[in-house]
PDB file of N, CA and C in Angstrom:
ATOM      1  N   MET A   1     -39.242 -63.574  43.558  1.00  0.00           N
ATOM      2  CA  MET A   1     -38.556 -63.209  44.381  1.00  0.00           C
ATOM      3  C   MET A   1     -38.672 -63.188  45.575  1.00  0.00           C
ATOM      4  N   PRO A   2     -37.735 -63.648  46.681  1.00  0.00           N
ATOM      5  CA  PRO A   2     -37.995 -63.557  48.027  1.00  0.00           C
ATOM      6  C   PRO A   2     -37.706 -62.048  47.979  1.00  0.00           C
ATOM      7  N   ASN A   3     -38.242 -61.358  49.476  1.00  0.00           N
ATOM      8  CA  ASN A   3     -38.546 -60.490  50.079  1.00  0.00           C
ATOM      9  C   ASN A   3     -36.960 -60.335  50.977  1.00  0.00           C
ATOM     10  N   VAL A   4     -35.625 -59.935  50.650  1.00  0.00           N
ATOM     11  CA  VAL A   4     -34.653 -59.877  51.630  1.00  0.00           C
ATOM     12  C   VAL A   4     -33.646 -59.037  51.301  1.00  0.00           C
ATOM     13  N   ASP A   5     -33.673 -58.443  52.551  1.00  0.00           N
ATOM     14  CA  ASP A   5     -32.898 -57.059  52.593  1.00  0.00           C
ATOM     15  C   ASP A   5     -31.535 -57.455  52.030  1.00  0.00           C
ATOM     16  N   THR A   6     -30.874 -56.557  50.728  1.00  0.00           N
ATOM     17  CA  THR A   6     -29.448 -56.756  50.566  1.00  0.00           C
ATOM     18  C   THR A   6     -28.437 -55.278  50.616  1.00  0.00           C
ATOM     19  N   ARG A   7     -27.395 -55.560  50.921  1.00  0.00           N
ATOM     20  CA  ARG A   7     -26.467 -54.495  51.099  1.00  0.00           C
ATOM     21  C   ARG A   7     -24.895 -55.011  50.541  1.00  0.00           C
ATOM     22  N   VAL A   8     -24.764 -54.047  50.065  1.00  0.00           N
ATOM     23  CA  VAL A   8     -23.304 -54.482  49.352  1.00  0.00           C
ATOM     24  C   VAL A   8     -22.075 -54.027  50.509  1.00  0.00           C
ATOM     25  N   CYS A   9     -21.388 -54.784  49.962  1.00  0.00           N
ATOM     26  CA  CYS A   9     -20.047 -55.199  51.656  1.00  0.00           C
ATOM     27  C   CYS A   9     -18.862 -55.036  50.385  1.00  0.00           C
ATOM     28  N   VAL A  10     -17.244 -53.631  50.975  1.00  0.00           N
ATOM     29  CA  VAL A  10     -16.714 -54.005  50.302  1.00  0.00           C
ATOM     30  C   VAL A  10     -15.603 -54.688  50.809  1.00  0.00           C
ATOM     31  N   LEU A  11     -15.023 -56.063  50.544  1.00  0.00           N
ATOM     32  CA  LEU A  11     -14.540 -56.885  51.257  1.00  0.00           C
ATOM     33  C   LEU A  11     -13.447 -56.214  51.707  1.00  0.00           C
ATOM     34  N   GLY A  12     -12.628 -55.500  51.530  1.00  0.00           N
ATOM     35  CA  GLY A  12     -11.420 -54.342  51.422  1.00  0.00           C
ATOM     36  C   GLY A  12     -11.802 -54.056  52.737  1.00  0.00           C
ATOM     37  N   HIS A  13     -13.107 -53.785  53.220  1.00  0.00           N
ATOM     38  CA  HIS A  13     -12.959 -52.261  54.350  1.00  0.00           C
ATOM     39  C   HIS A  13     -13.114 -53.521  55.383  1.00  0.00           C
ATOM     40  N   ILE A  14     -13.840 -54.870  55.314  1.00  0.00           N
ATOM     41  CA  ILE A  14     -13.675 -55.914  56.622  1.00  0.00           C
ATOM     42  C   ILE A  14     -12.391 -56.562  56.861  1.00  0.00           C
ATOM     43  N   GLN A  15     -11.462 -56.764  55.485  1.00  0.00           N
ATOM     44  CA  GLN A  15     -10.375 -57.271  55.684  1.00  0.00           C
ATOM     45  C   GLN A  15      -9.089 -56.565  56.060  1.00  0.00           C
ATOM     46  N   ARG A  16      -8.943 -55.383  55.889  1.00  0.00           N
ATOM     47  CA  ARG A  16      -8.401 -54.446  56.243  1.00  0.00           C
ATOM     48  C   ARG A  16      -8.420 -53.329  56.917  1.00  0.00           C
ATOM     49  N   GLY A  17      -9.866 -52.902  56.967  1.00  0.00           N
ATOM     50  CA  GLY A  17     -10.122 -52.139  58.622  1.00  0.00           C
ATOM     51  C   GLY A  17     -10.105 -50.794  57.741  1.00  0.00           C
ATOM     52  N   GLY A  18     -11.566 -50.546  57.814  1.00  0.00           N
ATOM     53  CA  GLY A  18     -10.876 -48.794  57.249  1.00  0.00           C
ATOM     54  C   GLY A  18     -11.309 -48.608  55.686  1.00  0.00           C
ATOM     55  N   SER A  19     -11.164 -47.229  55.601  1.00  0.00           N
ATOM     56  CA  SER A  19     -11.238 -46.979  54.289  1.00  0.00           C
ATOM     57  C   SER A  19     -10.399 -47.529  53.322  1.00  0.00           C
ATOM     58  N   PRO A  20     -10.212 -47.640  51.627  1.00  0.00           N
ATOM     59  CA  PRO A  20      -9.153 -48.421  51.492  1.00  0.00           C
ATOM     60  C   PRO A  20      -8.320 -47.012  51.257  1.00  0.00           C
ATOM     61  N   SER A  21      -6.967 -47.430  50.798  1.00  0.00           N
ATOM     62  CA  SER A  21      -5.631 -46.457  50.896  1.00  0.00           C
ATOM     63  C   SER A  21      -5.231 -46.409  49.913  1.00  0.00           C
ATOM     64  N   CYS A  22      -4.700 -45.625  49.012  1.00  0.00           N
ATOM     65  CA  CYS A  22      -3.604 -45.544  48.171  1.00  0.00           C
ATOM     66  C   CYS A  22      -3.342 -47.225  47.706  1.00  0.00           C
ATOM     67  N   MET A  23      -2.884 -47.877  48.454  1.00  0.00           N
ATOM     68  CA  MET A  23      -1.762 -48.840  48.061  1.00  0.00           C
ATOM     69  C   MET A  23      -2.651 -50.349  47.881  1.00  0.00           C
ATOM     70  N   ASP A  24      -3.427 -50.231  48.765  1.00  0.00           N
ATOM     71  CA  ASP A  24      -5.003 -50.641  48.806  1.00  0.00           C
ATOM     72  C   ASP A  24      -5.294 -50.508  47.437  1.00  0.00           C
ATOM     73  N   ARG A  25      -5.688 -49.731  46.777  1.00  0.00           N
ATOM     74  CA  ARG A  25      -6.562 -49.409  45.309  1.00  0.00           C
ATOM     75  C   ARG A  25      -5.576 -49.738  44.230  1.00  0.00           C
ATOM     76  N   LEU A  26      -4.364 -49.454  44.692  1.00  0.00           N
ATOM     77  CA  LEU A  26      -3.461 -50.381  44.067  1.00  0.00           C
ATOM     78  C   LEU A  26      -2.974 -51.849  44.032  1.00  0.00           C
ATOM     79  N   ILE A  27      -3.349 -51.988  44.820  1.00  0.00           N
ATOM     80  CA  ILE A  27      -3.327 -53.537  44.928  1.00  0.00           C
ATOM     81  C   ILE A  27      -3.980 -54.666  44.558  1.00  0.00           C
ATOM     82  N   ALA A  28      -5.257 -53.617  44.418  1.00  0.00           N
ATOM     83  CA  ALA A  28      -6.888 -54.323  44.074  1.00  0.00           C
ATOM     84  C   ALA A  28      -6.377 -54.285  42.369  1.00  0.00           C
ATOM     85  N   SER A  29      -6.421 -53.076  41.849  1.00  0.00           N
ATOM     86  CA  SER A  29      -6.081 -53.009  40.882  1.00  0.00           C
ATOM     87  C   SER A  29      -4.712 -53.985  39.928  1.00  0.00           C
ATOM     88  N   ARG A  30      -3.957 -54.317  40.669  1.00  0.00           N
ATOM     89  CA  ARG A  30      -3.155 -55.235  39.715  1.00  0.00           C
ATOM     90  C   ARG A  30      -3.287 -56.300  39.770  1.00  0.00           C
ATOM     91  N   MET A  31      -3.997 -56.570  40.726  1.00  0.00           N
ATOM     92  CA  MET A  31      -4.895 -58.253  41.074  1.00  0.00           C
ATOM     93  C   MET A  31      -5.745 -58.409  40.764  1.00  0.00           C
ATOM     94  N   GLY A  32      -6.691 -56.973  40.057  1.00  0.00           N
ATOM     95  CA  GLY A  32      -8.025 -57.371  38.959  1.00  0.00           C
ATOM     96  C   GLY A  32      -7.344 -57.712  37.753  1.00  0.00           C
ATOM     97  N   TYR A  33      -6.464 -56.668  37.209  1.00  0.00           N
ATOM     98  CA  TYR A  33      -6.399 -56.628  36.151  1.00  0.00           C
ATOM     99  C   TYR A  33      -5.682 -58.199  35.667  1.00  0.00           C
ATOM    100  N   SER A  34      -4.693 -58.682  36.471  1.00  0.00           N
ATOM    101  CA  SER A  34      -3.959 -60.217  36.436  1.00  0.00           C
ATOM    102  C   SER A  34      -5.202 -60.846  36.043  1.00  0.00           C
ATOM    103  N   ALA A  35      -6.200 -61.191  36.855  1.00  0.00           N
ATOM    104  CA  ALA A  35      -7.296 -62.084  37.007  1.00  0.00           C
ATOM    105  C   ALA A  35      -8.271 -62.129  35.615  1.00  0.00           C
ATOM    106  N   VAL A  36      -7.852 -61.074  35.199  1.00  0.00           N
ATOM    107  CA  VAL A  36      -8.901 -60.749  34.091  1.00  0.00           C
ATOM    108  C   VAL A  36      -8.324 -61.198  32.487  1.00  0.00           C
ATOM    109  N   GLU A  37      -6.726 -60.889  32.783  1.00  0.00           N
ATOM    110  CA  GLU A  37      -5.880 -61.696  31.504  1.00  0.00           C
ATOM    111  C   GLU A  37      -6.201 -63.224  31.516  1.00  0.00           C
ATOM    112  N   CYS A  38      -5.981 -63.472  32.968  1.00  0.00           N
ATOM    113  CA  CYS A  38      -6.053 -64.984  32.911  1.00  0.00           C
ATOM    114  C   CYS A  38      -7.148 -65.593  32.500  1.00  0.00           C
ATOM    115  N   LEU A  39      -8.334 -65.308  32.927  1.00  0.00           N
ATOM    116  CA  LEU A  39      -9.438 -65.117  31.881  1.00  0.00           C
ATOM    117  C   LEU A  39      -9.546 -65.584  30.580  1.00  0.00           C
ATOM    118  N   MET A  40      -9.104 -64.387  30.253  1.00  0.00           N
ATOM    119  CA  MET A  40      -8.835 -63.730  28.193  1.00  0.00           C
ATOM    120  C   MET A  40      -8.204 -65.034  27.573  1.00  0.00           C
ATOM    121  N   GLU A  41      -6.999 -65.073  28.952  1.00  0.00           N
ATOM    122  CA  GLU A  41      -5.649 -66.612  27.847  1.00  0.00           C
ATOM    123  C   GLU A  41      -6.625 -67.924  28.200  1.00  0.00           C
ATOM    124  N   GLY A  42      -7.612 -68.232  29.130  1.00  0.00           N
ATOM    125  CA  GLY A  42      -7.878 -69.679  29.180  1.00  0.00           C
ATOM    126  C   GLY A  42      -7.676 -69.802  30.180  1.00  0.00           C
ATOM    127  N   ARG A  43      -7.025 -69.533  30.901  1.00  0.00           N
ATOM    128  CA  ARG A  43      -6.816 -69.869  33.066  1.00  0.00           C
ATOM    129  C   ARG A  43      -7.786 -69.719  33.566  1.00  0.00           C
ATOM    130  N   TYR A  44      -8.166 -70.826  34.353  1.00  0.00           N
ATOM    131  CA  TYR A  44      -9.402 -70.836  35.087  1.00  0.00           C
ATOM    132  C   TYR A  44      -8.793 -71.428  36.713  1.00  0.00           C
ATOM    133  N   ASN A  45      -9.333 -71.244  37.407  1.00  0.00           N
ATOM    134  CA  ASN A  45      -9.164 -72.044  38.605  1.00  0.00           C
ATOM    135  C   ASN A  45      -7.833 -71.964  39.324  1.00  0.00           C
ATOM    136  N   VAL A  46      -7.090 -70.526  39.454  1.00  0.00           N
ATOM    137  CA  VAL A  46      -6.179 -69.603  40.353  1.00  0.00           C
ATOM    138  C   VAL A  46      -6.027 -68.656  40.884  1.00  0.00           C
ATOM    139  N   MET A  47      -5.485 -68.711  41.637  1.00  0.00           N
ATOM    140  CA  MET A  47      -5.195 -67.577  42.706  1.00  0.00           C
ATOM    141  C   MET A  47      -4.458 -67.124  42.776  1.00  0.00           C
ATOM    142  N   VAL A  48      -4.845 -65.518  42.343  1.00  0.00           N
ATOM    143  CA  VAL A  48      -4.345 -64.221  41.829  1.00  0.00           C
ATOM    144  C   VAL A  48      -3.237 -64.058  42.985  1.00  0.00           C
ATOM    145  N   GLY A  49      -2.740 -63.704  43.501  1.00  0.00           N
ATOM    146  CA  GLY A  49      -1.131 -63.513  44.428  1.00  0.00           C
ATOM    147  C   GLY A  49      -0.777 -62.234  44.162  1.00  0.00           C
ATOM    148  N   ILE A  50       0.327 -61.553  45.024  1.00  0.00           N
ATOM    149  CA  ILE A  50       1.733 -60.753  44.637  1.00  0.00           C
ATOM    150  C   ILE A  50       2.529 -61.179  45.595  1.00  0.00           C
ATOM    151  N   VAL A  51       3.832 -61.876  45.164  1.00  0.00           N
ATOM    152  CA  VAL A  51       5.456 -62.484  45.926  1.00  0.00           C
ATOM    153  C   VAL A  51       5.924 -61.555  45.541  1.00  0.00           C
ATOM    154  N   ASN A  52       6.889 -60.914  45.971  1.00  0.00           N
ATOM    155  CA  ASN A  52       7.992 -60.101  45.956  1.00  0.00           C
ATOM    156  C   ASN A  52       7.575 -59.221  44.564  1.00  0.00           C
ATOM    157  N   ASN A  53       6.897 -58.762  45.030  1.00  0.00           N
ATOM    158  CA  ASN A  53       6.402 -57.451  44.559  1.00  0.00           C
ATOM    159  C   ASN A  53       5.740 -58.182  42.615  1.00  0.00           C
ATOM    160  N   LYS A  54       5.347 -59.250  42.216  1.00  0.00           N
ATOM    161  CA  LYS A  54       5.646 -59.985  41.195  1.00  0.00           C
ATOM    162  C   LYS A  54       3.942 -60.560  41.229  1.00  0.00           C
ATOM    163  N   MET A  55       3.173 -60.671  39.805  1.00  0.00           N
ATOM    164  CA  MET A  55       1.957 -61.347  40.081  1.00  0.00           C
ATOM    165  C   MET A  55       2.214 -62.977  40.435  1.00  0.00           C
ATOM    166  N   HIS A  56       1.451 -63.508  41.062  1.00  0.00           N
ATOM    167  CA  HIS A  56       2.125 -65.242  41.280  1.00  0.00           C
ATOM    168  C   HIS A  56       0.785 -65.657  41.342  1.00  0.00           C
ATOM    169  N   PHE A  57       0.447 -66.769  40.491  1.00  0.00           N
ATOM    170  CA  PHE A  57      -0.649 -67.748  40.291  1.00  0.00           C
ATOM    171  C   PHE A  57      -0.733 -68.856  41.247  1.00  0.00           C
ATOM    172  N   THR A  58      -1.462 -69.030  41.549  1.00  0.00           N
ATOM    173  CA  THR A  58      -1.718 -70.425  42.365  1.00  0.00           C
ATOM    174  C   THR A  58      -2.839 -71.428  42.361  1.00  0.00           C
ATOM    175  N   PRO A  59      -2.528 -72.467  41.624  1.00  0.00           N
ATOM    176  CA  PRO A  59      -3.604 -73.105  41.370  1.00  0.00           C
ATOM    177  C   PRO A  59      -4.710 -73.052  42.732  1.00  0.00           C
ATOM    178  N   LEU A  60      -6.353 -73.102  42.600  1.00  0.00           N
ATOM    179  CA  LEU A  60      -7.295 -73.333  43.715  1.00  0.00           C
ATOM    180  C   LEU A  60      -6.724 -74.600  44.509  1.00  0.00           C
ATOM    181  N   GLU A  61      -6.898 -75.397  43.779  1.00  0.00           N
ATOM    182  CA  GLU A  61      -7.024 -77.121  44.643  1.00  0.00           C
ATOM    183  C   GLU A  61      -5.466 -76.499  45.660  1.00  0.00           C
ATOM    184  N   LYS A  62      -4.241 -76.078  45.320  1.00  0.00           N
ATOM    185  CA  LYS A  62      -3.496 -75.837  46.028  1.00  0.00           C
ATOM    186  C   LYS A  62      -2.813 -75.284  46.943  1.00  0.00           C
ATOM    187  N   ALA A  63      -3.857 -73.928  47.137  1.00  0.00           N
ATOM    188  CA  ALA A  63      -4.005 -72.776  47.828  1.00  0.00           C
ATOM    189  C   ALA A  63      -5.311 -72.991  48.734  1.00  0.00           C
ATOM    190  N   VAL A  64      -5.855 -74.219  48.626  1.00  0.00           N
ATOM    191  CA  VAL A  64      -7.418 -74.727  49.526  1.00  0.00           C
ATOM    192  C   VAL A  64      -6.408 -75.764  50.457  1.00  0.00           C
ATOM    193  N   LYS A  65      -5.822 -76.740  49.679  1.00  0.00           N
ATOM    194  CA  LYS A  65      -4.892 -77.559  50.470  1.00  0.00           C
ATOM    195  C   LYS A  65      -3.589 -77.155  51.516  1.00  0.00           C
ATOM    196  N   ALA A  66      -3.312 -76.266  50.654  1.00  0.00           N
ATOM    197  CA  ALA A  66      -2.048 -75.766  51.624  1.00  0.00           C
ATOM    198  C   ALA A  66      -2.298 -74.774  53.159  1.00  0.00           C
ATOM    199  N   LYS A  67      -1.586 -75.641  54.053  1.00  0.00           N
ATOM    200  CA  LYS A  67      -1.719 -75.349  55.705  1.00  0.00           C
ATOM    201  C   LYS A  67      -0.351 -75.035  56.342  1.00  0.00           C
ATOM    202  N   GLN A  68      -0.572 -73.348  57.189  1.00  0.00           N
ATOM    203  CA  GLN A  68       0.421 -73.511  57.368  1.00  0.00           C
ATOM    204  C   GLN A  68       0.005 -72.930  59.109  1.00  0.00           C
ATOM    205  N   LYS A  69       1.618 -73.405  60.022  1.00  0.00           N
ATOM    206  CA  LYS A  69       1.293 -73.428  61.006  1.00  0.00           C
ATOM    207  C   LYS A  69       1.751 -72.407  61.570  1.00  0.00           C
ATOM    208  N   ILE A  70       0.738 -71.624  62.675  1.00  0.00           N
ATOM    209  CA  ILE A  70       0.591 -70.371  62.771  1.00  0.00           C
ATOM    210  C   ILE A  70       1.703 -69.979  63.896  1.00  0.00           C
ATOM    211  N   SER A  71       3.042 -69.392  63.822  1.00  0.00           N
ATOM    212  CA  SER A  71       4.229 -69.375  64.874  1.00  0.00           C
ATOM    213  C   SER A  71       3.415 -68.828  66.282  1.00  0.00           C
ATOM    214  N   ASP A  72       4.582 -69.079  67.335  1.00  0.00           N
ATOM    215  CA  ASP A  72       4.191 -69.313  68.350  1.00  0.00           C
ATOM    216  C   ASP A  72       4.137 -67.593  68.623  1.00  0.00           C
ATOM    217  N   ASP A  73       5.095 -66.811  67.827  1.00  0.00           N
ATOM    218  CA  ASP A  73       4.823 -65.370  68.413  1.00  0.00           C
ATOM    219  C   ASP A  73       3.584 -65.070  67.723  1.00  0.00           C
ATOM    220  N   TRP A  74       2.561 -64.812  66.723  1.00  0.00           N
ATOM    221  CA  TRP A  74       1.753 -64.872  66.270  1.00  0.00           C
ATOM    222  C   TRP A  74       0.544 -65.292  67.192  1.00  0.00           C
ATOM    223  N   LEU A  75       0.490 -66.813  67.889  1.00  0.00           N
ATOM    224  CA  LEU A  75      -0.342 -67.368  68.802  1.00  0.00           C
ATOM    225  C   LEU A  75       0.125 -66.213  70.463  1.00  0.00           C
ATOM    226  N   LYS A  76       0.869 -65.802  70.395  1.00  0.00           N
ATOM    227  CA  LYS A  76       1.032 -64.943  71.705  1.00  0.00           C
ATOM    228  C   LYS A  76       0.121 -63.823  71.482  1.00  0.00           C
ATOM    229  N   ILE A  77       0.363 -63.205  70.766  1.00  0.00           N
ATOM    230  CA  ILE A  77      -0.221 -61.601  70.088  1.00  0.00           C
ATOM    231  C   ILE A  77      -1.652 -61.726  70.137  1.00  0.00           C
ATOM    232  N   VAL A  78      -2.014 -62.676  69.784  1.00  0.00           N
ATOM    233  CA  VAL A  78      -3.847 -63.188  69.314  1.00  0.00           C
ATOM    234  C   VAL A  78      -4.480 -63.396  71.477  1.00  0.00           C
ATOM    235  N   LYS A  79      -3.350 -64.213  72.064  1.00  0.00           N
ATOM    236  CA  LYS A  79      -3.766 -64.169  73.161  1.00  0.00           C
ATOM    237  C   LYS A  79      -3.658 -63.139  74.137  1.00  0.00           C
ATOM    238  N   ILE A  80      -3.058 -62.282  74.195  1.00  0.00           N
ATOM    239  CA  ILE A  80      -2.971 -60.751  74.209  1.00  0.00           C
ATOM    240  C   ILE A  80      -3.834 -59.995  74.252  1.00  0.00           C
ATOM    241  N   LEU A  81      -4.107 -59.791  72.732  1.00  0.00           N
ATOM    242  CA  LEU A  81      -5.299 -59.114  71.872  1.00  0.00           C
ATOM    243  C   LEU A  81      -6.917 -59.619  72.378  1.00  0.00           C
ATOM    244  N   ALA A  82      -7.263 -60.674  72.755  1.00  0.00           N
ATOM    245  CA  ALA A  82      -7.848 -61.531  73.186  1.00  0.00           C
ATOM    246  C   ALA A  82      -8.096 -61.132  74.502  1.00  0.00           C
ATOM    247  N   SER A  83      -7.701 -60.953  74.573  1.00  0.00           N
ATOM    248  CA  SER A  83      -7.638 -60.476  77.068  1.00  0.00           C
ATOM    249  C   SER A  83      -8.650 -59.220  76.783  1.00  0.00           C
TER     250      SER A  83
END
């Protein structure tokens, strides 16, 4: 076994910043529950998400290939914040 330093990282802290809120925990619980249900039903290779407050499953192939254009408004914000 290699001599490697291992640390736990909570992805939500990185993505959203700071400690998880009650809503973060609720979303994580809903999505985790749905992911386990998928596996129990034999559904694999799907991404779990929430659309219009309902669970939504997107095939991984479609999720990875889908490209969205970043709006000009967002690009303006990024340029301002990056300065």
